[in-house]
N, C-alpha and C. Protein backbone atom coordinates (compact mmCIF):
# COMPACT_ATOMS: atom_id res chain seq x y z
N PRO A 1 0.85 -1.28 -0.06
CA PRO A 1 -0.01 -0.01 0.01
C PRO A 1 0.92 1.33 -0.03
N ALA A 2 0.35 2.29 -0.66
CA ALA A 2 0.95 3.61 -0.75
C ALA A 2 0.59 4.44 0.54
N LEU A 3 -0.36 4.15 1.05
CA LEU A 3 -0.90 4.95 2.25
C LEU A 3 -0.92 4.26 3.61
N MET A 4 -0.57 5.00 4.52
CA MET A 4 -0.67 4.13 5.86
C MET A 4 -1.40 5.12 6.96
N ARG A 5 -2.48 4.36 7.63
CA ARG A 5 -3.17 5.04 8.79
C ARG A 5 -2.33 4.58 9.86
N PRO A 6 -1.86 5.45 10.69
CA PRO A 6 -1.16 5.09 11.99
C PRO A 6 -2.06 4.44 12.99
N PRO A 7 -1.84 3.33 13.62
CA PRO A 7 -2.69 2.59 14.53
C PRO A 7 -3.12 3.53 15.66
N TYR A 8 -4.33 3.58 15.86
CA TYR A 8 -4.93 4.48 16.94
C TYR A 8 -4.67 5.95 16.62
N GLY A 9 -4.37 6.28 15.55
CA GLY A 9 -4.01 7.73 15.15
C GLY A 9 -2.83 8.23 15.93
N ASN A 10 -1.92 7.35 16.40
CA ASN A 10 -0.75 7.81 17.18
C ASN A 10 0.40 7.58 16.24
N TYR A 11 1.24 8.62 16.12
CA TYR A 11 2.45 8.48 15.37
C TYR A 11 3.43 9.50 16.03
N ASN A 12 4.76 8.94 15.79
CA ASN A 12 5.92 9.80 16.33
C ASN A 12 7.05 9.55 15.33
N ASP A 13 8.24 9.99 15.61
CA ASP A 13 9.30 9.92 14.74
C ASP A 13 9.57 8.46 14.22
N GLN A 14 9.37 7.51 15.13
CA GLN A 14 9.54 6.20 14.65
C GLN A 14 8.57 5.67 13.47
N VAL A 15 7.27 6.11 13.69
CA VAL A 15 6.38 5.68 12.73
C VAL A 15 6.56 6.50 11.49
N ARG A 16 6.81 7.71 11.59
CA ARG A 16 7.13 8.44 10.33
C ARG A 16 8.35 7.92 9.62
N SER A 17 9.34 7.52 10.38
CA SER A 17 10.51 6.98 9.65
C SER A 17 10.18 5.58 9.00
N ALA A 18 9.26 4.66 9.64
CA ALA A 18 8.72 3.39 9.05
C ALA A 18 8.10 3.68 7.76
N ALA A 19 7.13 4.58 7.73
CA ALA A 19 6.42 5.08 6.53
C ALA A 19 7.33 5.57 5.41
N TYR A 20 8.31 6.35 5.80
CA TYR A 20 9.24 6.91 4.82
C TYR A 20 10.08 5.72 4.24
N LEU A 21 10.55 4.83 4.98
CA LEU A 21 11.41 3.67 4.41
C LEU A 21 10.50 2.88 3.54
N ARG A 22 9.37 2.81 3.69
CA ARG A 22 8.40 2.08 2.73
C ARG A 22 7.81 2.86 1.68
N ASN A 23 8.17 4.23 1.44
CA ASN A 23 7.66 5.17 0.65
C ASN A 23 6.15 5.19 0.74
N GLN A 24 5.68 5.34 1.95
CA GLN A 24 4.38 5.45 2.20
C GLN A 24 4.08 6.81 2.67
N SER A 25 2.70 7.31 2.32
CA SER A 25 2.15 8.55 2.92
C SER A 25 1.50 8.15 4.15
N LEU A 26 1.82 8.95 5.14
CA LEU A 26 1.20 8.85 6.47
C LEU A 26 -0.08 9.57 6.45
N ILE A 27 -1.24 8.92 6.74
CA ILE A 27 -2.61 9.45 6.67
C ILE A 27 -3.32 9.50 7.96
N PRO A 28 -3.18 10.51 8.63
CA PRO A 28 -4.00 10.61 10.01
C PRO A 28 -5.45 11.24 9.78
N TRP A 29 -6.26 11.02 10.50
CA TRP A 29 -7.54 11.52 10.33
C TRP A 29 -7.84 12.80 10.96
N ASP A 30 -8.79 13.65 10.66
CA ASP A 30 -9.04 14.86 11.19
C ASP A 30 -10.20 14.87 12.17
N PHE A 31 -10.82 13.87 12.18
CA PHE A 31 -12.09 13.89 13.11
C PHE A 31 -12.38 12.50 13.27
N GLU A 32 -12.70 12.11 14.67
CA GLU A 32 -13.10 10.62 14.99
C GLU A 32 -14.24 10.58 15.77
N ARG A 33 -14.96 11.79 16.13
CA ARG A 33 -16.05 11.50 17.05
C ARG A 33 -17.55 11.17 16.43
N ILE A 34 -17.55 11.09 15.02
CA ILE A 34 -18.70 10.60 14.52
C ILE A 34 -19.33 9.33 14.91
N HIS A 35 -18.37 8.42 15.27
CA HIS A 35 -18.83 7.17 15.81
C HIS A 35 -19.29 7.23 17.25
N LEU A 36 -19.23 8.27 18.00
CA LEU A 36 -19.61 8.40 19.23
C LEU A 36 -20.95 9.09 19.37
N VAL A 37 -21.54 9.62 18.26
CA VAL A 37 -22.76 10.33 18.11
C VAL A 37 -23.95 9.15 18.46
N PRO A 38 -24.87 9.37 19.33
CA PRO A 38 -25.86 8.45 19.61
C PRO A 38 -26.70 8.42 18.34
N PRO A 39 -27.32 7.32 17.91
CA PRO A 39 -28.13 7.25 16.66
C PRO A 39 -29.20 8.17 16.45
N SER A 40 -29.70 8.57 17.64
CA SER A 40 -30.88 9.46 17.73
C SER A 40 -30.53 10.93 17.27
N GLN A 41 -29.18 11.28 17.29
CA GLN A 41 -28.80 12.58 17.11
C GLN A 41 -27.71 12.56 15.91
N PRO A 42 -28.12 12.01 14.82
CA PRO A 42 -27.02 12.04 13.71
C PRO A 42 -26.34 13.17 13.27
N ASN A 43 -26.97 14.43 13.32
CA ASN A 43 -26.29 15.66 13.01
C ASN A 43 -25.55 16.48 14.03
N ARG A 44 -25.54 15.92 15.26
CA ARG A 44 -24.94 16.65 16.33
C ARG A 44 -23.75 17.21 16.08
N GLN A 45 -22.73 16.35 15.50
CA GLN A 45 -21.28 16.72 15.35
C GLN A 45 -21.02 17.14 13.98
N LEU A 46 -21.94 16.95 13.01
CA LEU A 46 -21.52 17.22 11.70
C LEU A 46 -21.30 18.76 11.28
N ILE A 47 -22.12 19.46 11.81
CA ILE A 47 -22.20 21.05 11.45
C ILE A 47 -20.85 21.57 12.08
N PRO A 48 -20.46 21.25 13.57
CA PRO A 48 -19.25 21.77 14.07
C PRO A 48 -18.08 21.20 13.26
N MET A 49 -18.11 19.88 12.96
CA MET A 49 -17.09 19.42 12.19
C MET A 49 -16.90 19.91 10.78
N SER A 50 -17.78 20.32 10.06
CA SER A 50 -17.68 20.86 8.70
C SER A 50 -17.27 22.31 8.83
N ASN A 51 -17.67 23.04 9.92
CA ASN A 51 -17.21 24.41 10.13
C ASN A 51 -15.67 24.55 10.46
N ALA A 52 -15.25 23.45 11.29
CA ALA A 52 -13.86 23.46 11.67
C ALA A 52 -12.99 22.97 10.69
N HIS A 53 -13.49 22.26 9.67
CA HIS A 53 -12.50 21.82 8.51
C HIS A 53 -13.30 22.20 7.18
N PRO A 54 -13.17 23.47 6.87
CA PRO A 54 -13.88 23.91 5.78
C PRO A 54 -13.63 23.33 4.32
N ASN A 55 -12.21 22.85 4.25
CA ASN A 55 -11.69 22.31 3.02
C ASN A 55 -11.76 20.85 2.85
N ASN A 56 -11.60 20.14 3.85
CA ASN A 56 -11.66 18.72 3.74
C ASN A 56 -11.79 18.19 5.23
N ILE A 57 -12.37 16.86 5.02
CA ILE A 57 -12.60 16.17 6.33
C ILE A 57 -12.11 14.77 5.96
N LEU A 58 -11.32 14.15 6.85
CA LEU A 58 -10.90 12.76 6.85
C LEU A 58 -11.57 12.18 8.19
N ALA A 59 -12.64 11.61 8.16
CA ALA A 59 -13.18 11.17 9.42
C ALA A 59 -12.97 9.72 9.58
N LEU A 60 -12.69 9.33 10.90
CA LEU A 60 -12.49 7.89 11.33
C LEU A 60 -13.93 7.51 11.94
N ASN A 61 -14.36 6.46 11.28
CA ASN A 61 -15.63 5.94 11.80
C ASN A 61 -15.63 4.41 12.34
N HIS A 62 -16.22 4.28 13.35
CA HIS A 62 -16.39 2.92 13.86
C HIS A 62 -17.78 2.57 14.14
N GLU A 63 -18.15 1.33 14.26
CA GLU A 63 -19.48 0.85 14.63
C GLU A 63 -19.63 0.67 16.03
N THR A 64 -19.75 1.91 16.73
CA THR A 64 -19.88 1.86 18.13
C THR A 64 -21.29 1.42 18.59
N TYR A 65 -22.26 1.87 17.86
CA TYR A 65 -23.56 1.42 18.03
C TYR A 65 -24.07 0.58 16.79
N ALA A 66 -24.94 -0.40 17.11
CA ALA A 66 -25.25 -1.53 15.90
C ALA A 66 -26.10 -0.70 14.76
N THR A 67 -26.63 0.42 15.12
CA THR A 67 -27.31 1.22 14.01
C THR A 67 -26.49 2.38 13.47
N THR A 68 -25.13 2.57 13.80
CA THR A 68 -24.35 3.47 13.33
C THR A 68 -24.51 3.84 11.74
N LEU A 69 -24.16 2.74 11.17
CA LEU A 69 -24.19 2.85 9.67
C LEU A 69 -25.44 3.24 9.18
N ASN A 70 -26.58 2.65 9.57
CA ASN A 70 -27.76 2.92 8.80
C ASN A 70 -28.46 4.22 9.40
N ASN A 71 -28.18 4.68 10.43
CA ASN A 71 -28.76 5.89 10.98
C ASN A 71 -28.08 7.26 10.87
N ILE A 72 -26.72 7.02 11.06
CA ILE A 72 -25.81 8.16 11.01
C ILE A 72 -25.23 8.65 9.62
N LEU A 73 -24.70 7.47 9.02
CA LEU A 73 -24.00 7.76 7.72
C LEU A 73 -24.98 8.53 6.61
N PRO A 74 -26.20 7.87 6.37
CA PRO A 74 -26.88 8.74 5.23
C PRO A 74 -27.21 10.08 5.78
N SER A 75 -27.43 10.54 6.93
CA SER A 75 -27.63 11.83 7.32
C SER A 75 -26.35 12.56 7.19
N ALA A 76 -25.18 11.98 7.56
CA ALA A 76 -23.94 12.65 7.50
C ALA A 76 -23.66 13.00 5.91
N ILE A 77 -23.88 12.06 5.12
CA ILE A 77 -23.59 12.18 3.60
C ILE A 77 -24.43 13.33 3.17
N THR A 78 -25.66 13.41 3.53
CA THR A 78 -26.72 14.42 3.03
C THR A 78 -26.25 15.71 3.66
N THR A 79 -25.91 15.92 4.75
CA THR A 79 -25.61 17.24 5.48
C THR A 79 -24.32 17.60 5.03
N LEU A 80 -23.30 16.86 4.62
CA LEU A 80 -22.02 17.27 4.16
C LEU A 80 -22.17 17.65 2.60
N LYS A 81 -22.93 16.97 1.91
CA LYS A 81 -23.12 17.33 0.47
C LYS A 81 -23.84 18.63 0.40
N ASN A 82 -24.86 18.85 1.25
CA ASN A 82 -25.56 20.02 1.27
C ASN A 82 -24.75 21.24 1.57
N LYS A 83 -23.58 21.06 2.38
CA LYS A 83 -22.59 22.07 2.62
C LYS A 83 -21.64 22.17 1.57
N GLY A 84 -21.64 21.55 0.37
CA GLY A 84 -20.86 21.43 -0.81
C GLY A 84 -19.65 20.54 -0.74
N TYR A 85 -19.67 19.62 0.16
CA TYR A 85 -18.47 18.56 0.10
C TYR A 85 -18.78 17.58 -1.03
N THR A 86 -17.67 17.04 -1.43
CA THR A 86 -17.59 15.96 -2.37
C THR A 86 -16.82 14.77 -1.79
N PHE A 87 -17.48 13.53 -1.82
CA PHE A 87 -16.89 12.35 -1.30
C PHE A 87 -15.87 11.72 -2.30
N VAL A 88 -14.66 11.59 -1.93
CA VAL A 88 -13.72 10.88 -2.72
C VAL A 88 -12.74 10.04 -1.66
N THR A 89 -12.07 9.13 -2.38
CA THR A 89 -11.10 8.34 -1.60
C THR A 89 -10.00 9.21 -1.16
N VAL A 90 -9.08 8.80 -0.26
CA VAL A 90 -7.78 9.49 0.11
C VAL A 90 -7.08 9.43 -0.98
N SER A 91 -6.81 8.47 -1.71
CA SER A 91 -5.81 8.52 -2.85
C SER A 91 -6.37 9.41 -3.96
N GLN A 92 -7.71 9.50 -4.27
CA GLN A 92 -8.22 10.38 -5.24
C GLN A 92 -7.98 11.93 -4.70
N CYS A 93 -8.13 12.13 -3.48
CA CYS A 93 -7.80 13.38 -2.96
C CYS A 93 -6.44 13.85 -3.16
N LEU A 94 -5.47 12.91 -2.93
CA LEU A 94 -4.03 13.25 -2.95
C LEU A 94 -3.48 12.98 -4.43
N GLY A 95 -4.28 12.47 -5.41
CA GLY A 95 -3.94 12.25 -6.70
C GLY A 95 -2.81 11.23 -6.74
N ILE A 96 -2.92 10.09 -5.88
CA ILE A 96 -1.97 9.11 -6.03
C ILE A 96 -2.55 7.72 -6.22
N ASN A 97 -1.76 6.84 -6.69
CA ASN A 97 -2.41 5.38 -6.76
C ASN A 97 -2.27 4.85 -5.37
N PRO A 98 -3.17 4.28 -4.88
CA PRO A 98 -3.22 3.71 -3.41
C PRO A 98 -2.39 2.41 -3.34
N TYR A 99 -1.90 1.75 -4.45
CA TYR A 99 -1.19 0.61 -4.41
C TYR A 99 0.01 0.70 -5.08
N LYS A 100 1.15 0.07 -4.70
CA LYS A 100 2.34 0.08 -5.42
C LYS A 100 3.00 -1.23 -5.20
N CYS A 101 3.83 -1.56 -6.16
CA CYS A 101 4.62 -2.79 -6.27
C CYS A 101 5.83 -2.62 -5.23
N THR A 102 5.99 -3.62 -4.31
CA THR A 102 6.97 -3.32 -3.24
C THR A 102 8.12 -4.35 -3.59
N SER A 103 7.96 -5.25 -4.56
CA SER A 103 9.04 -6.32 -4.86
C SER A 103 9.02 -6.51 -6.36
N LYS A 104 10.14 -7.09 -6.79
CA LYS A 104 10.30 -7.32 -8.26
C LYS A 104 9.72 -8.85 -8.50
N THR A 105 9.30 -9.65 -7.64
CA THR A 105 8.88 -10.93 -7.77
C THR A 105 7.40 -11.13 -7.73
């Protein structure tokens, strides 16, 4: 892979060095609280998040609640699209191929 998300979002010089040696781009996220939003309040964090990151948002999402995907994600997509956001992959955003050959065999 050409991209690396640091485990738990934690990185230091050792992690940066490991990514550099593998010619990987280190991709931390901007926002991780969307998975903590109760399913009954899907937009509670979206507006502050989109105002804090007006140009891009890289959100980390987990299935904390069984209904997170079905209740929060559709509302999140609609809300952010209405604010002018376009959804793309990280590699599309950076304009790079997400995969690369790491050996000659």
